[in-house]
Amino acid sequence: MATNIPRLAGENEQAEHGHQVKNPRGLFTDLAIRSGAMTDAQELSDEMLRFAATVVEHCASIADDAHRDGESGSSAGDRIRAQLNG
């Protein structure tokens, strides 16, 4: 399922090469602004940062399970979308 949230420059390349985001708070702030969850005048709270990190961990565990199960024909992203988009 496609989303209408544009990717940040280099997001695909970072994911493919295993690069770590140097500023996760900045990335999560940008995503919150683009999704309409907050305005660019706001600052991401510590609680929202923990929430975003928890979502990331949950998505990673779904992807890990997909890798361990050896599902063919679907990507980890497909499995994450299937579980989180209802």
N, C-alpha and C. Protein backbone atom coordinates (compact mmCIF):
# COMPACT_ATOMS: atom_id res chain seq x y z
N MET A 1 0.84 -1.18 0.00
CA MET A 1 0.00 0.00 0.00
C MET A 1 0.89 1.23 0.00
N ALA A 2 0.67 2.09 -0.95
CA ALA A 2 1.49 3.30 -1.06
C ALA A 2 0.96 4.37 -0.10
N THR A 3 1.86 5.21 0.34
CA THR A 3 1.46 6.33 1.18
C THR A 3 1.69 7.61 0.40
N ASN A 4 1.05 8.67 0.84
CA ASN A 4 1.26 9.95 0.18
C ASN A 4 2.26 10.82 0.94
N ILE A 5 2.96 10.24 1.90
CA ILE A 5 3.98 10.98 2.63
C ILE A 5 5.29 10.85 1.87
N PRO A 6 5.83 11.97 1.39
CA PRO A 6 7.07 11.88 0.60
C PRO A 6 8.24 11.44 1.47
N ARG A 7 9.16 10.77 0.85
CA ARG A 7 10.37 10.33 1.55
C ARG A 7 11.37 11.47 1.62
N LEU A 8 12.18 11.43 2.65
CA LEU A 8 13.28 12.38 2.75
C LEU A 8 14.36 11.97 1.76
N ALA A 9 15.12 12.94 1.32
CA ALA A 9 16.21 12.65 0.40
C ALA A 9 17.15 11.63 1.03
N GLY A 10 17.42 10.56 0.30
CA GLY A 10 18.34 9.54 0.77
C GLY A 10 17.75 8.47 1.66
N GLU A 11 16.45 8.53 1.98
CA GLU A 11 15.86 7.53 2.87
C GLU A 11 15.98 6.12 2.30
N ASN A 12 15.69 5.96 1.02
CA ASN A 12 15.79 4.63 0.42
C ASN A 12 17.22 4.12 0.46
N GLU A 13 18.16 4.96 0.12
CA GLU A 13 19.56 4.56 0.10
C GLU A 13 20.04 4.21 1.51
N GLN A 14 19.61 4.98 2.51
CA GLN A 14 20.02 4.70 3.88
C GLN A 14 19.50 3.34 4.31
N ALA A 15 18.25 3.04 3.99
CA ALA A 15 17.67 1.76 4.38
C ALA A 15 18.38 0.61 3.69
N GLU A 16 18.68 0.78 2.41
CA GLU A 16 19.32 -0.29 1.65
C GLU A 16 20.74 -0.56 2.11
N HIS A 17 21.42 0.45 2.60
CA HIS A 17 22.82 0.29 3.00
C HIS A 17 22.99 0.20 4.51
N GLY A 18 21.90 0.17 5.25
CA GLY A 18 21.98 0.03 6.70
C GLY A 18 22.54 1.23 7.42
N HIS A 19 22.44 2.40 6.83
CA HIS A 19 22.96 3.60 7.48
C HIS A 19 22.02 4.03 8.59
N GLN A 20 22.60 4.45 9.68
CA GLN A 20 21.81 4.90 10.81
C GLN A 20 21.55 6.40 10.67
N VAL A 21 20.35 6.81 11.02
CA VAL A 21 20.01 8.22 11.01
C VAL A 21 20.79 8.89 12.13
N LYS A 22 21.47 9.98 11.82
CA LYS A 22 22.29 10.66 12.81
C LYS A 22 21.46 11.49 13.78
N ASN A 23 20.25 11.88 13.36
CA ASN A 23 19.41 12.72 14.20
C ASN A 23 17.98 12.17 14.19
N PRO A 24 17.70 11.11 14.98
CA PRO A 24 16.37 10.54 14.94
C PRO A 24 15.29 11.54 15.37
N ARG A 25 15.59 12.41 16.34
CA ARG A 25 14.59 13.40 16.76
C ARG A 25 14.23 14.30 15.59
N GLY A 26 15.22 14.71 14.81
CA GLY A 26 14.96 15.55 13.64
C GLY A 26 14.13 14.82 12.60
N LEU A 27 14.44 13.55 12.35
CA LEU A 27 13.67 12.75 11.39
C LEU A 27 12.24 12.60 11.86
N PHE A 28 12.03 12.22 13.13
CA PHE A 28 10.68 12.04 13.65
C PHE A 28 9.92 13.36 13.66
N THR A 29 10.60 14.46 13.96
CA THR A 29 9.95 15.77 13.91
C THR A 29 9.48 16.07 12.50
N ASP A 30 10.34 15.83 11.52
CA ASP A 30 9.97 16.08 10.12
C ASP A 30 8.79 15.21 9.71
N LEU A 31 8.79 13.95 10.10
CA LEU A 31 7.67 13.06 9.76
C LEU A 31 6.38 13.51 10.43
N ALA A 32 6.47 13.96 11.68
CA ALA A 32 5.28 14.45 12.39
C ALA A 32 4.71 15.69 11.71
N ILE A 33 5.58 16.57 11.25
CA ILE A 33 5.13 17.78 10.55
C ILE A 33 4.48 17.40 9.23
N ARG A 34 5.14 16.52 8.44
CA ARG A 34 4.59 16.13 7.14
C ARG A 34 3.27 15.38 7.27
N SER A 35 3.07 14.65 8.37
CA SER A 35 1.83 13.90 8.55
C SER A 35 0.71 14.77 9.12
N GLY A 36 1.05 15.99 9.56
CA GLY A 36 0.06 16.89 10.13
C GLY A 36 -0.13 16.70 11.62
N ALA A 37 0.69 15.86 12.26
CA ALA A 37 0.56 15.61 13.70
C ALA A 37 1.04 16.80 14.53
N MET A 38 1.87 17.64 13.94
CA MET A 38 2.34 18.84 14.64
C MET A 38 2.76 19.88 13.62
N THR A 39 2.91 21.11 14.08
CA THR A 39 3.33 22.19 13.19
C THR A 39 4.84 22.35 13.28
N ASP A 40 5.38 23.06 12.31
CA ASP A 40 6.84 23.25 12.33
C ASP A 40 7.28 24.19 13.44
N ALA A 41 6.34 24.82 14.12
CA ALA A 41 6.69 25.70 15.24
C ALA A 41 6.82 24.92 16.54
N GLN A 42 6.37 23.66 16.53
CA GLN A 42 6.41 22.86 17.74
C GLN A 42 7.71 22.07 17.83
N GLU A 43 7.98 21.63 19.03
CA GLU A 43 9.15 20.78 19.27
C GLU A 43 8.66 19.39 19.67
N LEU A 44 9.30 18.36 19.16
CA LEU A 44 8.91 16.98 19.46
C LEU A 44 9.19 16.69 20.94
N SER A 45 8.17 16.28 21.66
CA SER A 45 8.34 16.01 23.09
C SER A 45 9.10 14.70 23.30
N ASP A 46 9.63 14.54 24.50
CA ASP A 46 10.32 13.29 24.83
C ASP A 46 9.36 12.11 24.75
N GLU A 47 8.09 12.33 25.12
CA GLU A 47 7.09 11.26 25.05
C GLU A 47 6.84 10.84 23.61
N MET A 48 6.74 11.81 22.71
CA MET A 48 6.52 11.49 21.30
C MET A 48 7.75 10.81 20.69
N LEU A 49 8.93 11.22 21.13
CA LEU A 49 10.15 10.56 20.66
C LEU A 49 10.17 9.09 21.10
N ARG A 50 9.79 8.83 22.37
CA ARG A 50 9.72 7.44 22.85
C ARG A 50 8.65 6.66 22.09
N PHE A 51 7.51 7.31 21.80
CA PHE A 51 6.45 6.66 21.03
C PHE A 51 6.97 6.27 19.64
N ALA A 52 7.63 7.20 18.97
CA ALA A 52 8.16 6.93 17.62
C ALA A 52 9.18 5.79 17.67
N ALA A 53 10.05 5.80 18.67
CA ALA A 53 11.05 4.74 18.80
C ALA A 53 10.38 3.39 19.06
N THR A 54 9.29 3.38 19.81
CA THR A 54 8.54 2.15 20.07
C THR A 54 7.92 1.62 18.79
N VAL A 55 7.38 2.51 17.96
CA VAL A 55 6.81 2.10 16.68
C VAL A 55 7.91 1.50 15.80
N VAL A 56 9.07 2.13 15.78
CA VAL A 56 10.19 1.62 15.00
C VAL A 56 10.57 0.21 15.47
N GLU A 57 10.66 0.02 16.77
CA GLU A 57 11.01 -1.30 17.31
C GLU A 57 9.97 -2.35 16.93
N HIS A 58 8.69 -1.98 16.97
CA HIS A 58 7.63 -2.91 16.60
C HIS A 58 7.74 -3.28 15.12
N CYS A 59 7.95 -2.29 14.27
CA CYS A 59 8.12 -2.56 12.83
C CYS A 59 9.33 -3.45 12.58
N ALA A 60 10.41 -3.19 13.30
CA ALA A 60 11.61 -4.01 13.14
C ALA A 60 11.35 -5.45 13.55
N SER A 61 10.57 -5.66 14.60
CA SER A 61 10.28 -7.03 15.03
C SER A 61 9.42 -7.75 13.99
N ILE A 62 8.49 -7.04 13.36
CA ILE A 62 7.69 -7.63 12.28
C ILE A 62 8.60 -8.02 11.12
N ALA A 63 9.51 -7.12 10.76
CA ALA A 63 10.45 -7.40 9.67
C ALA A 63 11.37 -8.57 10.02
N ASP A 64 11.83 -8.63 11.26
CA ASP A 64 12.68 -9.74 11.69
C ASP A 64 11.93 -11.06 11.57
N ASP A 65 10.66 -11.07 11.98
CA ASP A 65 9.84 -12.29 11.88
C ASP A 65 9.68 -12.70 10.43
N ALA A 66 9.46 -11.73 9.55
CA ALA A 66 9.29 -12.04 8.12
C ALA A 66 10.57 -12.66 7.57
N HIS A 67 11.70 -12.13 8.00
CA HIS A 67 12.99 -12.66 7.54
C HIS A 67 13.20 -14.09 8.05
N ARG A 68 12.90 -14.30 9.33
CA ARG A 68 13.07 -15.63 9.93
C ARG A 68 12.13 -16.66 9.30
N ASP A 69 10.90 -16.21 8.99
CA ASP A 69 9.91 -17.12 8.40
C ASP A 69 10.24 -17.45 6.96
N GLY A 70 11.11 -16.65 6.34
CA GLY A 70 11.51 -16.89 4.97
C GLY A 70 10.37 -16.76 3.97
N GLU A 71 9.45 -15.83 4.24
CA GLU A 71 8.33 -15.63 3.33
C GLU A 71 8.85 -15.22 1.96
N SER A 72 8.41 -15.93 0.96
CA SER A 72 8.80 -15.56 -0.40
C SER A 72 7.66 -14.79 -1.05
N GLY A 73 8.03 -13.89 -1.93
CA GLY A 73 7.04 -13.12 -2.65
C GLY A 73 6.56 -11.87 -1.94
N SER A 74 6.97 -11.67 -0.71
CA SER A 74 6.59 -10.43 -0.03
C SER A 74 7.81 -9.89 0.70
N SER A 75 7.86 -8.59 0.79
CA SER A 75 8.98 -7.95 1.48
C SER A 75 8.62 -7.73 2.94
N ALA A 76 9.61 -7.40 3.73
CA ALA A 76 9.35 -7.05 5.13
C ALA A 76 8.41 -5.86 5.19
N GLY A 77 8.60 -4.91 4.27
CA GLY A 77 7.71 -3.75 4.23
C GLY A 77 6.27 -4.15 3.96
N ASP A 78 6.06 -5.12 3.06
CA ASP A 78 4.70 -5.62 2.80
C ASP A 78 4.08 -6.20 4.06
N ARG A 79 4.88 -6.95 4.80
CA ARG A 79 4.36 -7.58 6.03
C ARG A 79 4.04 -6.52 7.09
N ILE A 80 4.89 -5.52 7.22
CA ILE A 80 4.64 -4.44 8.18
C ILE A 80 3.35 -3.72 7.81
N ARG A 81 3.21 -3.36 6.53
CA ARG A 81 1.99 -2.67 6.10
C ARG A 81 0.75 -3.52 6.34
N ALA A 82 0.84 -4.81 6.07
CA ALA A 82 -0.31 -5.70 6.26
C ALA A 82 -0.73 -5.76 7.72
N GLN A 83 0.24 -5.78 8.63
CA GLN A 83 -0.10 -5.87 10.04
C GLN A 83 -0.55 -4.55 10.64
N LEU A 84 -0.01 -3.44 10.15
CA LEU A 84 -0.31 -2.15 10.76
C LEU A 84 -1.41 -1.35 10.06
N ASN A 85 -1.75 -1.72 8.84
CA ASN A 85 -2.79 -0.98 8.12
C ASN A 85 -4.13 -1.69 8.17
N GLY A 86 -4.23 -2.70 9.01
CA GLY A 86 -5.51 -3.40 9.20
C GLY A 86 -5.81 -4.26 8.08
